[in-house]
Amino acid sequence: MISISEFSKLDIRAGVVKSAERVPGTSKLVRLEVDLGELGVRQLVAGIAEEYKPEDIVGKTIIVLANLEPKKIRGVLSQGMLLAAVHDDKPVLLTTDRPVPPGTKVM
């Protein structure tokens, strides 16, 4: 269990995928450019290529953990983490049921 103050440290935002492409030399990784509104455009690397074609996620609203420490994944800098449910060992992207502006906080 965590406290509400610990949970409040997470900066979770809605973001719009502006571009997406496979990471060369990998079978699972996709590099995404995601508009997070006032936080700017962030580059994310996610292991979703086996379930999602890059061209199919451009324009989608996804949910992003925006204040995760940046990390290089296979030589590509990831500046956050997209959130997904896992069903039958496959990622299912979290999204919103209605349009919201990029950068909208998730509570």
PDB file of N, CA and C in Angstrom:
ATOM      1  N   MET A   1       0.836  -1.187   0.000  1.00  0.00           N
ATOM      2  CA  MET A   1       0.000   0.000   0.000  1.00  0.00           C
ATOM      3  C   MET A   1       0.882   1.253   0.000  1.00  0.00           C
ATOM      4  N   ILE A   2       0.405   2.271  -0.723  1.00  0.00           N
ATOM      5  CA  ILE A   2       1.092   3.562  -0.701  1.00  0.00           C
ATOM      6  C   ILE A   2       0.110   4.619  -0.212  1.00  0.00           C
ATOM      7  N   SER A   3       0.652   5.692   0.273  1.00  0.00           N
ATOM      8  CA  SER A   3      -0.195   6.783   0.751  1.00  0.00           C
ATOM      9  C   SER A   3      -0.604   7.670  -0.423  1.00  0.00           C
ATOM     10  N   ILE A   4      -1.616   8.495  -0.200  1.00  0.00           N
ATOM     11  CA  ILE A   4      -2.063   9.425  -1.236  1.00  0.00           C
ATOM     12  C   ILE A   4      -0.952  10.418  -1.571  1.00  0.00           C
ATOM     13  N   SER A   5      -0.123  10.780  -0.584  1.00  0.00           N
ATOM     14  CA  SER A   5       0.976  11.706  -0.865  1.00  0.00           C
ATOM     15  C   SER A   5       2.017  11.049  -1.770  1.00  0.00           C
ATOM     16  N   GLU A   6       2.245   9.755  -1.616  1.00  0.00           N
ATOM     17  CA  GLU A   6       3.159   9.051  -2.518  1.00  0.00           C
ATOM     18  C   GLU A   6       2.565   8.991  -3.923  1.00  0.00           C
ATOM     19  N   PHE A   7       1.275   8.675  -4.026  1.00  0.00           N
ATOM     20  CA  PHE A   7       0.606   8.620  -5.327  1.00  0.00           C
ATOM     21  C   PHE A   7       0.645   9.972  -6.018  1.00  0.00           C
ATOM     22  N   SER A   8       0.491  11.043  -5.259  1.00  0.00           N
ATOM     23  CA  SER A   8       0.444  12.378  -5.855  1.00  0.00           C
ATOM     24  C   SER A   8       1.783  12.787  -6.469  1.00  0.00           C
ATOM     25  N   LYS A   9       2.851  12.058  -6.201  1.00  0.00           N
ATOM     26  CA  LYS A   9       4.149  12.340  -6.826  1.00  0.00           C
ATOM     27  C   LYS A   9       4.168  11.943  -8.297  1.00  0.00           C
ATOM     28  N   LEU A  10       3.244  11.080  -8.703  1.00  0.00           N
ATOM     29  CA  LEU A  10       3.177  10.644 -10.094  1.00  0.00           C
ATOM     30  C   LEU A  10       2.504  11.719 -10.935  1.00  0.00           C
ATOM     31  N   ASP A  11       3.156  12.119 -12.026  1.00  0.00           N
ATOM     32  CA  ASP A  11       2.575  13.088 -12.946  1.00  0.00           C
ATOM     33  C   ASP A  11       2.084  12.309 -14.164  1.00  0.00           C
ATOM     34  N   ILE A  12       0.801  11.974 -14.162  1.00  0.00           N
ATOM     35  CA  ILE A  12       0.203  11.170 -15.219  1.00  0.00           C
ATOM     36  C   ILE A  12      -0.632  12.101 -16.104  1.00  0.00           C
ATOM     37  N   ARG A  13      -0.364  12.047 -17.410  1.00  0.00           N
ATOM     38  CA  ARG A  13      -1.004  12.971 -18.343  1.00  0.00           C
ATOM     39  C   ARG A  13      -1.544  12.246 -19.572  1.00  0.00           C
ATOM     40  N   ALA A  14      -2.536  12.869 -20.192  1.00  0.00           N
ATOM     41  CA  ALA A  14      -2.998  12.427 -21.501  1.00  0.00           C
ATOM     42  C   ALA A  14      -2.090  13.078 -22.545  1.00  0.00           C
ATOM     43  N   GLY A  15      -1.714  12.312 -23.546  1.00  0.00           N
ATOM     44  CA  GLY A  15      -0.867  12.837 -24.606  1.00  0.00           C
ATOM     45  C   GLY A  15      -1.333  12.330 -25.956  1.00  0.00           C
ATOM     46  N   VAL A  16      -1.066  13.115 -26.989  1.00  0.00           N
ATOM     47  CA  VAL A  16      -1.447  12.734 -28.343  1.00  0.00           C
ATOM     48  C   VAL A  16      -0.189  12.301 -29.095  1.00  0.00           C
ATOM     49  N   VAL A  17      -0.253  11.105 -29.680  1.00  0.00           N
ATOM     50  CA  VAL A  17       0.880  10.570 -30.439  1.00  0.00           C
ATOM     51  C   VAL A  17       0.992  11.338 -31.749  1.00  0.00           C
ATOM     52  N   LYS A  18       2.115  12.018 -31.939  1.00  0.00           N
ATOM     53  CA  LYS A  18       2.354  12.811 -33.145  1.00  0.00           C
ATOM     54  C   LYS A  18       3.080  12.004 -34.218  1.00  0.00           C
ATOM     55  N   SER A  19       3.952  11.100 -33.799  1.00  0.00           N
ATOM     56  CA  SER A  19       4.637  10.229 -34.750  1.00  0.00           C
ATOM     57  C   SER A  19       5.051   8.955 -34.019  1.00  0.00           C
ATOM     58  N   ALA A  20       5.241   7.904 -34.803  1.00  0.00           N
ATOM     59  CA  ALA A  20       5.664   6.616 -34.244  1.00  0.00           C
ATOM     60  C   ALA A  20       6.411   5.842 -35.311  1.00  0.00           C
ATOM     61  N   GLU A  21       7.462   5.142 -34.902  1.00  0.00           N
ATOM     62  CA  GLU A  21       8.237   4.319 -35.820  1.00  0.00           C
ATOM     63  C   GLU A  21       8.905   3.191 -35.059  1.00  0.00           C
ATOM     64  N   ARG A  22       9.140   2.098 -35.747  1.00  0.00           N
ATOM     65  CA  ARG A  22       9.850   0.970 -35.142  1.00  0.00           C
ATOM     66  C   ARG A  22      11.272   1.404 -34.823  1.00  0.00           C
ATOM     67  N   VAL A  23      11.821   0.865 -33.750  1.00  0.00           N
ATOM     68  CA  VAL A  23      13.229   1.087 -33.436  1.00  0.00           C
ATOM     69  C   VAL A  23      14.022   0.053 -34.238  1.00  0.00           C
ATOM     70  N   PRO A  24      14.899   0.516 -35.129  1.00  0.00           N
ATOM     71  CA  PRO A  24      15.649  -0.420 -35.979  1.00  0.00           C
ATOM     72  C   PRO A  24      16.403  -1.470 -35.163  1.00  0.00           C
ATOM     73  N   GLY A  25      16.394  -2.688 -35.662  1.00  0.00           N
ATOM     74  CA  GLY A  25      17.124  -3.767 -35.013  1.00  0.00           C
ATOM     75  C   GLY A  25      16.404  -4.398 -33.837  1.00  0.00           C
ATOM     76  N   THR A  26      15.131  -4.015 -33.632  1.00  0.00           N
ATOM     77  CA  THR A  26      14.357  -4.603 -32.537  1.00  0.00           C
ATOM     78  C   THR A  26      13.040  -5.142 -33.092  1.00  0.00           C
ATOM     79  N   SER A  27      12.463  -6.099 -32.369  1.00  0.00           N
ATOM     80  CA  SER A  27      11.178  -6.651 -32.810  1.00  0.00           C
ATOM     81  C   SER A  27      10.004  -6.109 -32.012  1.00  0.00           C
ATOM     82  N   LYS A  28      10.279  -5.520 -30.841  1.00  0.00           N
ATOM     83  CA  LYS A  28       9.191  -5.090 -29.962  1.00  0.00           C
ATOM     84  C   LYS A  28       9.088  -3.585 -29.754  1.00  0.00           C
ATOM     85  N   LEU A  29      10.149  -2.850 -30.056  1.00  0.00           N
ATOM     86  CA  LEU A  29      10.187  -1.442 -29.651  1.00  0.00           C
ATOM     87  C   LEU A  29       9.669  -0.474 -30.711  1.00  0.00           C
ATOM     88  N   VAL A  30       8.932   0.516 -30.215  1.00  0.00           N
ATOM     89  CA  VAL A  30       8.431   1.623 -31.028  1.00  0.00           C
ATOM     90  C   VAL A  30       8.890   2.924 -30.370  1.00  0.00           C
ATOM     91  N   ARG A  31       9.373   3.864 -31.201  1.00  0.00           N
ATOM     92  CA  ARG A  31       9.716   5.208 -30.723  1.00  0.00           C
ATOM     93  C   ARG A  31       8.559   6.122 -31.062  1.00  0.00           C
ATOM     94  N   LEU A  32       8.030   6.816 -30.045  1.00  0.00           N
ATOM     95  CA  LEU A  32       6.884   7.700 -30.235  1.00  0.00           C
ATOM     96  C   LEU A  32       7.253   9.126 -29.866  1.00  0.00           C
ATOM     97  N   GLU A  33       6.698  10.079 -30.577  1.00  0.00           N
ATOM     98  CA  GLU A  33       6.746  11.490 -30.203  1.00  0.00           C
ATOM     99  C   GLU A  33       5.335  11.807 -29.713  1.00  0.00           C
ATOM    100  N   VAL A  34       5.226  12.249 -28.452  1.00  0.00           N
ATOM    101  CA  VAL A  34       3.925  12.449 -27.824  1.00  0.00           C
ATOM    102  C   VAL A  34       3.797  13.891 -27.345  1.00  0.00           C
ATOM    103  N   ASP A  35       2.733  14.560 -27.767  1.00  0.00           N
ATOM    104  CA  ASP A  35       2.441  15.931 -27.338  1.00  0.00           C
ATOM    105  C   ASP A  35       1.795  15.889 -25.961  1.00  0.00           C
ATOM    106  N   LEU A  36       2.489  16.482 -24.987  1.00  0.00           N
ATOM    107  CA  LEU A  36       1.962  16.551 -23.621  1.00  0.00           C
ATOM    108  C   LEU A  36       1.592  17.982 -23.248  1.00  0.00           C
ATOM    109  N   GLY A  37       1.121  18.745 -24.221  1.00  0.00           N
ATOM    110  CA  GLY A  37       0.642  20.104 -23.945  1.00  0.00           C
ATOM    111  C   GLY A  37       1.738  20.988 -23.391  1.00  0.00           C
ATOM    112  N   GLU A  38       1.487  21.584 -22.236  1.00  0.00           N
ATOM    113  CA  GLU A  38       2.429  22.523 -21.621  1.00  0.00           C
ATOM    114  C   GLU A  38       3.784  21.895 -21.316  1.00  0.00           C
ATOM    115  N   LEU A  39       3.846  20.575 -21.226  1.00  0.00           N
ATOM    116  CA  LEU A  39       5.116  19.891 -20.964  1.00  0.00           C
ATOM    117  C   LEU A  39       5.922  19.675 -22.242  1.00  0.00           C
ATOM    118  N   GLY A  40       5.338  19.989 -23.389  1.00  0.00           N
ATOM    119  CA  GLY A  40       6.030  19.846 -24.656  1.00  0.00           C
ATOM    120  C   GLY A  40       5.882  18.459 -25.256  1.00  0.00           C
ATOM    121  N   VAL A  41       6.643  18.233 -26.314  1.00  0.00           N
ATOM    122  CA  VAL A  41       6.636  16.943 -26.993  1.00  0.00           C
ATOM    123  C   VAL A  41       7.735  16.084 -26.386  1.00  0.00           C
ATOM    124  N   ARG A  42       7.374  14.865 -26.017  1.00  0.00           N
ATOM    125  CA  ARG A  42       8.328  13.930 -25.419  1.00  0.00           C
ATOM    126  C   ARG A  42       8.524  12.732 -26.314  1.00  0.00           C
ATOM    127  N   GLN A  43       9.728  12.198 -26.281  1.00  0.00           N
ATOM    128  CA  GLN A  43      10.034  10.956 -26.985  1.00  0.00           C
ATOM    129  C   GLN A  43       9.906   9.804 -25.998  1.00  0.00           C
ATOM    130  N   LEU A  44       9.138   8.794 -26.366  1.00  0.00           N
ATOM    131  CA  LEU A  44       8.969   7.601 -25.539  1.00  0.00           C
ATOM    132  C   LEU A  44       9.392   6.383 -26.337  1.00  0.00           C
ATOM    133  N   VAL A  45       9.896   5.384 -25.660  1.00  0.00           N
ATOM    134  CA  VAL A  45      10.189   4.098 -26.272  1.00  0.00           C
ATOM    135  C   VAL A  45       9.346   3.072 -25.538  1.00  0.00           C
ATOM    136  N   ALA A  46       8.596   2.278 -26.299  1.00  0.00           N
ATOM    137  CA  ALA A  46       7.683   1.309 -25.681  1.00  0.00           C
ATOM    138  C   ALA A  46       7.742  -0.023 -26.416  1.00  0.00           C
ATOM    139  N   GLY A  47       7.590  -1.097 -25.677  1.00  0.00           N
ATOM    140  CA  GLY A  47       7.616  -2.448 -26.237  1.00  0.00           C
ATOM    141  C   GLY A  47       6.247  -2.896 -26.710  1.00  0.00           C
ATOM    142  N   ILE A  48       5.713  -2.217 -27.712  1.00  0.00           N
ATOM    143  CA  ILE A  48       4.352  -2.487 -28.173  1.00  0.00           C
ATOM    144  C   ILE A  48       4.271  -2.909 -29.641  1.00  0.00           C
ATOM    145  N   ALA A  49       5.419  -3.065 -30.303  1.00  0.00           N
ATOM    146  CA  ALA A  49       5.426  -3.290 -31.756  1.00  0.00           C
ATOM    147  C   ALA A  49       4.774  -4.598 -32.182  1.00  0.00           C
ATOM    148  N   GLU A  50       4.728  -5.590 -31.307  1.00  0.00           N
ATOM    149  CA  GLU A  50       4.101  -6.851 -31.694  1.00  0.00           C
ATOM    150  C   GLU A  50       2.572  -6.747 -31.726  1.00  0.00           C
ATOM    151  N   GLU A  51       2.019  -5.731 -31.074  1.00  0.00           N
ATOM    152  CA  GLU A  51       0.561  -5.551 -31.018  1.00  0.00           C
ATOM    153  C   GLU A  51       0.064  -4.347 -31.795  1.00  0.00           C
ATOM    154  N   TYR A  52       0.918  -3.348 -31.978  1.00  0.00           N
ATOM    155  CA  TYR A  52       0.497  -2.096 -32.604  1.00  0.00           C
ATOM    156  C   TYR A  52       1.444  -1.714 -33.729  1.00  0.00           C
ATOM    157  N   LYS A  53       0.875  -1.420 -34.902  1.00  0.00           N
ATOM    158  CA  LYS A  53       1.654  -0.872 -35.999  1.00  0.00           C
ATOM    159  C   LYS A  53       1.841   0.615 -35.710  1.00  0.00           C
ATOM    160  N   PRO A  54       3.038   1.149 -35.901  1.00  0.00           N
ATOM    161  CA  PRO A  54       3.264   2.566 -35.610  1.00  0.00           C
ATOM    162  C   PRO A  54       2.239   3.490 -36.266  1.00  0.00           C
ATOM    163  N   GLU A  55       1.904   3.231 -37.527  1.00  0.00           N
ATOM    164  CA  GLU A  55       0.967   4.121 -38.227  1.00  0.00           C
ATOM    165  C   GLU A  55      -0.445   4.078 -37.632  1.00  0.00           C
ATOM    166  N   ASP A  56      -0.775   3.018 -36.919  1.00  0.00           N
ATOM    167  CA  ASP A  56      -2.112   2.894 -36.328  1.00  0.00           C
ATOM    168  C   ASP A  56      -2.272   3.664 -35.015  1.00  0.00           C
ATOM    169  N   ILE A  57      -1.170   4.085 -34.412  1.00  0.00           N
ATOM    170  CA  ILE A  57      -1.293   4.796 -33.132  1.00  0.00           C
ATOM    171  C   ILE A  57      -1.087   6.299 -33.254  1.00  0.00           C
ATOM    172  N   VAL A  58      -0.640   6.754 -34.429  1.00  0.00           N
ATOM    173  CA  VAL A  58      -0.494   8.198 -34.644  1.00  0.00           C
ATOM    174  C   VAL A  58      -1.881   8.835 -34.556  1.00  0.00           C
ATOM    175  N   GLY A  59      -1.981   9.896 -33.749  1.00  0.00           N
ATOM    176  CA  GLY A  59      -3.253  10.585 -33.542  1.00  0.00           C
ATOM    177  C   GLY A  59      -4.025  10.100 -32.333  1.00  0.00           C
ATOM    178  N   LYS A  60      -3.653   8.959 -31.781  1.00  0.00           N
ATOM    179  CA  LYS A  60      -4.352   8.431 -30.608  1.00  0.00           C
ATOM    180  C   LYS A  60      -3.954   9.212 -29.350  1.00  0.00           C
ATOM    181  N   THR A  61      -4.896   9.317 -28.432  1.00  0.00           N
ATOM    182  CA  THR A  61      -4.608   9.845 -27.105  1.00  0.00           C
ATOM    183  C   THR A  61      -4.205   8.668 -26.224  1.00  0.00           C
ATOM    184  N   ILE A  62      -3.033   8.786 -25.599  1.00  0.00           N
ATOM    185  CA  ILE A  62      -2.559   7.744 -24.696  1.00  0.00           C
ATOM    186  C   ILE A  62      -2.307   8.352 -23.326  1.00  0.00           C
ATOM    187  N   ILE A  63      -2.097   7.510 -22.350  1.00  0.00           N
ATOM    188  CA  ILE A  63      -1.820   7.955 -20.987  1.00  0.00           C
ATOM    189  C   ILE A  63      -0.335   7.729 -20.711  1.00  0.00           C
ATOM    190  N   VAL A  64       0.318   8.777 -20.179  1.00  0.00           N
ATOM    191  CA  VAL A  64       1.771   8.780 -20.023  1.00  0.00           C
ATOM    192  C   VAL A  64       2.153   9.149 -18.593  1.00  0.00           C
ATOM    193  N   LEU A  65       3.112   8.407 -18.040  1.00  0.00           N
ATOM    194  CA  LEU A  65       3.759   8.807 -16.794  1.00  0.00           C
ATOM    195  C   LEU A  65       4.854   9.783 -17.209  1.00  0.00           C
ATOM    196  N   ALA A  66       4.636  11.074 -16.932  1.00  0.00           N
ATOM    197  CA  ALA A  66       5.477  12.130 -17.491  1.00  0.00           C
ATOM    198  C   ALA A  66       6.705  12.451 -16.652  1.00  0.00           C
ATOM    199  N   ASN A  67       6.714  12.095 -15.384  1.00  0.00           N
ATOM    200  CA  ASN A  67       7.859  12.472 -14.550  1.00  0.00           C
ATOM    201  C   ASN A  67       8.752  11.284 -14.188  1.00  0.00           C
ATOM    202  N   LEU A  68       8.793  10.302 -15.074  1.00  0.00           N
ATOM    203  CA  LEU A  68       9.720   9.196 -14.907  1.00  0.00           C
ATOM    204  C   LEU A  68      11.101   9.651 -15.379  1.00  0.00           C
ATOM    205  N   GLU A  69      12.127   9.282 -14.638  1.00  0.00           N
ATOM    206  CA  GLU A  69      13.484   9.651 -15.016  1.00  0.00           C
ATOM    207  C   GLU A  69      13.802   9.142 -16.421  1.00  0.00           C
ATOM    208  N   PRO A  70      14.353  10.010 -17.298  1.00  0.00           N
ATOM    209  CA  PRO A  70      14.683   9.571 -18.652  1.00  0.00           C
ATOM    210  C   PRO A  70      15.681   8.407 -18.633  1.00  0.00           C
ATOM    211  N   LYS A  71      15.550   7.531 -19.656  1.00  0.00           N
ATOM    212  CA  LYS A  71      16.421   6.364 -19.736  1.00  0.00           C
ATOM    213  C   LYS A  71      16.647   6.016 -21.201  1.00  0.00           C
ATOM    214  N   LYS A  72      17.871   5.606 -21.523  1.00  0.00           N
ATOM    215  CA  LYS A  72      18.156   5.137 -22.879  1.00  0.00           C
ATOM    216  C   LYS A  72      17.776   3.667 -22.972  1.00  0.00           C
ATOM    217  N   ILE A  73      16.996   3.355 -24.002  1.00  0.00           N
ATOM    218  CA  ILE A  73      16.579   1.987 -24.272  1.00  0.00           C
ATOM    219  C   ILE A  73      17.065   1.654 -25.675  1.00  0.00           C
ATOM    220  N   ARG A  74      17.966   0.711 -25.762  1.00  0.00           N
ATOM    221  CA  ARG A  74      18.570   0.325 -27.057  1.00  0.00           C
ATOM    222  C   ARG A  74      19.107   1.546 -27.800  1.00  0.00           C
ATOM    223  N   GLY A  75      19.717   2.456 -27.028  1.00  0.00           N
ATOM    224  CA  GLY A  75      20.344   3.633 -27.608  1.00  0.00           C
ATOM    225  C   GLY A  75      19.416   4.793 -27.893  1.00  0.00           C
ATOM    226  N   VAL A  76      18.130   4.657 -27.565  1.00  0.00           N
ATOM    227  CA  VAL A  76      17.149   5.713 -27.832  1.00  0.00           C
ATOM    228  C   VAL A  76      16.636   6.238 -26.494  1.00  0.00           C
ATOM    229  N   LEU A  77      16.665   7.562 -26.311  1.00  0.00           N
ATOM    230  CA  LEU A  77      16.230   8.162 -25.058  1.00  0.00           C
ATOM    231  C   LEU A  77      14.709   8.105 -24.920  1.00  0.00           C
ATOM    232  N   SER A  78      14.243   7.590 -23.786  1.00  0.00           N
ATOM    233  CA  SER A  78      12.814   7.573 -23.471  1.00  0.00           C
ATOM    234  C   SER A  78      12.578   8.546 -22.327  1.00  0.00           C
ATOM    235  N   GLN A  79      11.650   9.495 -22.545  1.00  0.00           N
ATOM    236  CA  GLN A  79      11.395  10.573 -21.590  1.00  0.00           C
ATOM    237  C   GLN A  79      10.054  10.422 -20.893  1.00  0.00           C
ATOM    238  N   GLY A  80       9.685   9.209 -20.561  1.00  0.00           N
ATOM    239  CA  GLY A  80       8.421   8.925 -19.893  1.00  0.00           C
ATOM    240  C   GLY A  80       8.029   7.499 -20.193  1.00  0.00           C
ATOM    241  N   MET A  81       6.836   7.129 -19.774  1.00  0.00           N
ATOM    242  CA  MET A  81       6.359   5.765 -20.007  1.00  0.00           C
ATOM    243  C   MET A  81       4.886   5.805 -20.347  1.00  0.00           C
ATOM    244  N   LEU A  82       4.529   5.161 -21.470  1.00  0.00           N
ATOM    245  CA  LEU A  82       3.097   5.046 -21.750  1.00  0.00           C
ATOM    246  C   LEU A  82       2.531   3.962 -20.843  1.00  0.00           C
ATOM    247  N   LEU A  83       1.270   4.093 -20.504  1.00  0.00           N
ATOM    248  CA  LEU A  83       0.627   3.121 -19.622  1.00  0.00           C
ATOM    249  C   LEU A  83      -0.259   2.195 -20.435  1.00  0.00           C
ATOM    250  N   ALA A  84      -0.203   0.930 -20.079  1.00  0.00           N
ATOM    251  CA  ALA A  84      -0.983  -0.088 -20.779  1.00  0.00           C
ATOM    252  C   ALA A  84      -1.421  -1.142 -19.786  1.00  0.00           C
ATOM    253  N   ALA A  85      -2.569  -1.712 -20.034  1.00  0.00           N
ATOM    254  CA  ALA A  85      -2.992  -2.909 -19.304  1.00  0.00           C
ATOM    255  C   ALA A  85      -2.347  -4.092 -20.010  1.00  0.00           C
ATOM    256  N   VAL A  86      -2.182  -5.191 -19.315  1.00  0.00           N
ATOM    257  CA  VAL A  86      -1.642  -6.398 -19.935  1.00  0.00           C
ATOM    258  C   VAL A  86      -2.716  -7.471 -19.878  1.00  0.00           C
ATOM    259  N   HIS A  87      -3.105  -7.953 -21.063  1.00  0.00           N
ATOM    260  CA  HIS A  87      -4.121  -8.999 -21.163  1.00  0.00           C
ATOM    261  C   HIS A  87      -3.562 -10.110 -22.045  1.00  0.00           C
ATOM    262  N   ASP A  88      -3.555 -11.327 -21.530  1.00  0.00           N
ATOM    263  CA  ASP A  88      -2.974 -12.463 -22.260  1.00  0.00           C
ATOM    264  C   ASP A  88      -1.545 -12.161 -22.698  1.00  0.00           C
ATOM    265  N   ASP A  89      -0.783 -11.544 -21.798  1.00  0.00           N
ATOM    266  CA  ASP A  89       0.623 -11.180 -22.039  1.00  0.00           C
ATOM    267  C   ASP A  89       0.811 -10.190 -23.178  1.00  0.00           C
ATOM    268  N   LYS A  90      -0.238  -9.441 -23.521  1.00  0.00           N
ATOM    269  CA  LYS A  90      -0.158  -8.452 -24.594  1.00  0.00           C
ATOM    270  C   LYS A  90      -0.567  -7.082 -24.057  1.00  0.00           C
ATOM    271  N   PRO A  91       0.158  -6.012 -24.470  1.00  0.00           N
ATOM    272  CA  PRO A  91      -0.204  -4.677 -24.004  1.00  0.00           C
ATOM    273  C   PRO A  91      -1.477  -4.165 -24.661  1.00  0.00           C
ATOM    274  N   VAL A  92      -2.286  -3.465 -23.872  1.00  0.00           N
ATOM    275  CA  VAL A  92      -3.492  -2.793 -24.351  1.00  0.00           C
ATOM    276  C   VAL A  92      -3.361  -1.339 -23.883  1.00  0.00           C
ATOM    277  N   LEU A  93      -3.188  -0.422 -24.828  1.00  0.00           N
ATOM    278  CA  LEU A  93      -2.947   0.975 -24.476  1.00  0.00           C
ATOM    279  C   LEU A  93      -4.102   1.571 -23.694  1.00  0.00           C
ATOM    280  N   LEU A  94      -3.766   2.339 -22.653  1.00  0.00           N
ATOM    281  CA  LEU A  94      -4.780   3.087 -21.921  1.00  0.00           C
ATOM    282  C   LEU A  94      -5.026   4.391 -22.660  1.00  0.00           C
ATOM    283  N   THR A  95      -6.293   4.789 -22.714  1.00  0.00           N
ATOM    284  CA  THR A  95      -6.677   5.997 -23.432  1.00  0.00           C
ATOM    285  C   THR A  95      -7.844   6.646 -22.692  1.00  0.00           C
ATOM    286  N   THR A  96      -8.439   7.665 -23.291  1.00  0.00           N
ATOM    287  CA  THR A  96      -9.591   8.337 -22.697  1.00  0.00           C
ATOM    288  C   THR A  96     -10.838   7.972 -23.491  1.00  0.00           C
ATOM    289  N   ASP A  97     -11.996   8.060 -22.863  1.00  0.00           N
ATOM    290  CA  ASP A  97     -13.229   7.728 -23.590  1.00  0.00           C
ATOM    291  C   ASP A  97     -13.804   8.924 -24.348  1.00  0.00           C
ATOM    292  N   ARG A  98     -13.241  10.113 -24.123  1.00  0.00           N
ATOM    293  CA  ARG A  98     -13.603  11.329 -24.851  1.00  0.00           C
ATOM    294  C   ARG A  98     -12.337  12.126 -25.120  1.00  0.00           C
ATOM    295  N   PRO A  99     -12.342  12.972 -26.131  1.00  0.00           N
ATOM    296  CA  PRO A  99     -11.153  13.793 -26.393  1.00  0.00           C
ATOM    297  C   PRO A  99     -10.866  14.749 -25.235  1.00  0.00           C
ATOM    298  N   VAL A 100      -9.595  14.867 -24.891  1.00  0.00           N
ATOM    299  CA  VAL A 100      -9.125  15.851 -23.912  1.00  0.00           C
ATOM    300  C   VAL A 100      -7.899  16.520 -24.498  1.00  0.00           C
ATOM    301  N   PRO A 101      -7.604  17.755 -24.079  1.00  0.00           N
ATOM    302  CA  PRO A 101      -6.427  18.428 -24.614  1.00  0.00           C
ATOM    303  C   PRO A 101      -5.131  17.721 -24.189  1.00  0.00           C
ATOM    304  N   PRO A 102      -4.115  17.753 -25.067  1.00  0.00           N
ATOM    305  CA  PRO A 102      -2.831  17.183 -24.679  1.00  0.00           C
ATOM    306  C   PRO A 102      -2.330  17.811 -23.374  1.00  0.00           C
ATOM    307  N   GLY A 103      -1.779  16.978 -22.510  1.00  0.00           N
ATOM    308  CA  GLY A 103      -1.255  17.449 -21.233  1.00  0.00           C
ATOM    309  C   GLY A 103      -2.258  17.408 -20.092  1.00  0.00           C
ATOM    310  N   THR A 104      -3.511  17.036 -20.367  1.00  0.00           N
ATOM    311  CA  THR A 104      -4.506  16.964 -19.307  1.00  0.00           C
ATOM    312  C   THR A 104      -4.053  15.987 -18.225  1.00  0.00           C
ATOM    313  N   LYS A 105      -4.106  16.440 -16.979  1.00  0.00           N
ATOM    314  CA  LYS A 105      -3.683  15.584 -15.860  1.00  0.00           C
ATOM    315  C   LYS A 105      -4.678  14.460 -15.636  1.00  0.00           C
ATOM    316  N   VAL A 106      -4.146  13.298 -15.300  1.00  0.00           N
ATOM    317  CA  VAL A 106      -4.951  12.128 -14.936  1.00  0.00           C
ATOM    318  C   VAL A 106      -4.929  12.042 -13.420  1.00  0.00           C
ATOM    319  N   MET A 107      -6.098  11.901 -12.843  1.00  0.00           N
ATOM    320  CA  MET A 107      -6.200  11.875 -11.381  1.00  0.00           C
ATOM    321  C   MET A 107      -6.737  10.550 -10.907  1.00  0.00           C
TER     322      MET A 107
END
